[in-house]
Amino acid sequence: MEFYEYSRDLHRHPICWQSENPDCYPHFHKSIELVYVLQGSLSAVLNGSTHQVSQGQILIVPGYTIHSFKMTGGTRTWVCTIPQEVIAAFKTVLSSYTFARAVVDAGDGGMEEQGHILWCFKEIYQCLEEGSAIAGHAHMMGCAYLILGWIMEHAGLVPAVRGKNGSFAREVLEYLEDHYLECCDLEEISGHFGYSKSRFSHIFNEIFGCRLIEYVNGLRCTHAMALIEAGEKSMTDIAMESGFETTRTFYRAFRKYYGAAPGDMRRAC
């Protein structure tokens, strides 16, 4: 049974990390995921299709694609996820098209290009290590645009054809992305998608692996964290502007999500 990895989608910037033998169970998220194999090989299953990825190749996992990995011993990779929300220039295109190839040679354009793409991965990682300064965030965005531009050029694009579950998941996540600062009442949302409250809750839990309120509160907490980092508003204003009805609910949800109180996070900024 695949699950929705919602923690991956709550980031509002690209993330990169190194991994060794990173087997993973079937899961999906709306962020684009790229796996650059530095050493060894991996077997990947994307929506039921198996792909072999060797050293010097990049696996491309489009958003909402159910995927799993199986590695051979000694496999080393760089992994990068890029939220679609931060790539406005590509988001419209990728809403109707997907990548024609799931695997591309990192050196398709020669060793110089191969080093260039790997450099972008490392730069994003370094920015995350050094903190979330505005200059670092802008640099990460620039690297993400370079990576995706290169990937689109070398993998090509074809019209997207999505299965029933993938389309439903996409519609639900996009609806919540647009409305999480509002009430997000279960009855209203279930009615919007043509289900009873109990049926919609069951389907949501089955596909996404969490309750609706948990996912919505996660979105609200990341919004609140951005306001906290800006440092210009009171906690009461932040709670209200992030969609919470009371400060008590805000503090409880924030502590559950981040493991710390909002005030502690502000002092750490």
Foldseek 3Di string as FASTA:
>chain_A
DEAEPLVLQLDPFKEKDKDFQDWDDWYFAQWKKKKAKQAFWKWKAWQRDIDIAHHQKMFIHHHLITMTMGTDHGIMIMMMTGHLVLCVVCNVVSVFKDFQDRMDGLQPVHPVSSVLLVVLSVLLNVLVVVDDDPVSRVSRSVSVVVNVVVRCVGRPMDTDDDDPVSVVVVVLVVVLVVDLLEQPDLCVSCVVVPHHSVVVQVVCCVHHVDGPVLSSLSNLLSQLLVVLQVVDDDLQVSCNRSNHPGSVVNQVSNCVNVVDGSVVSSVVD
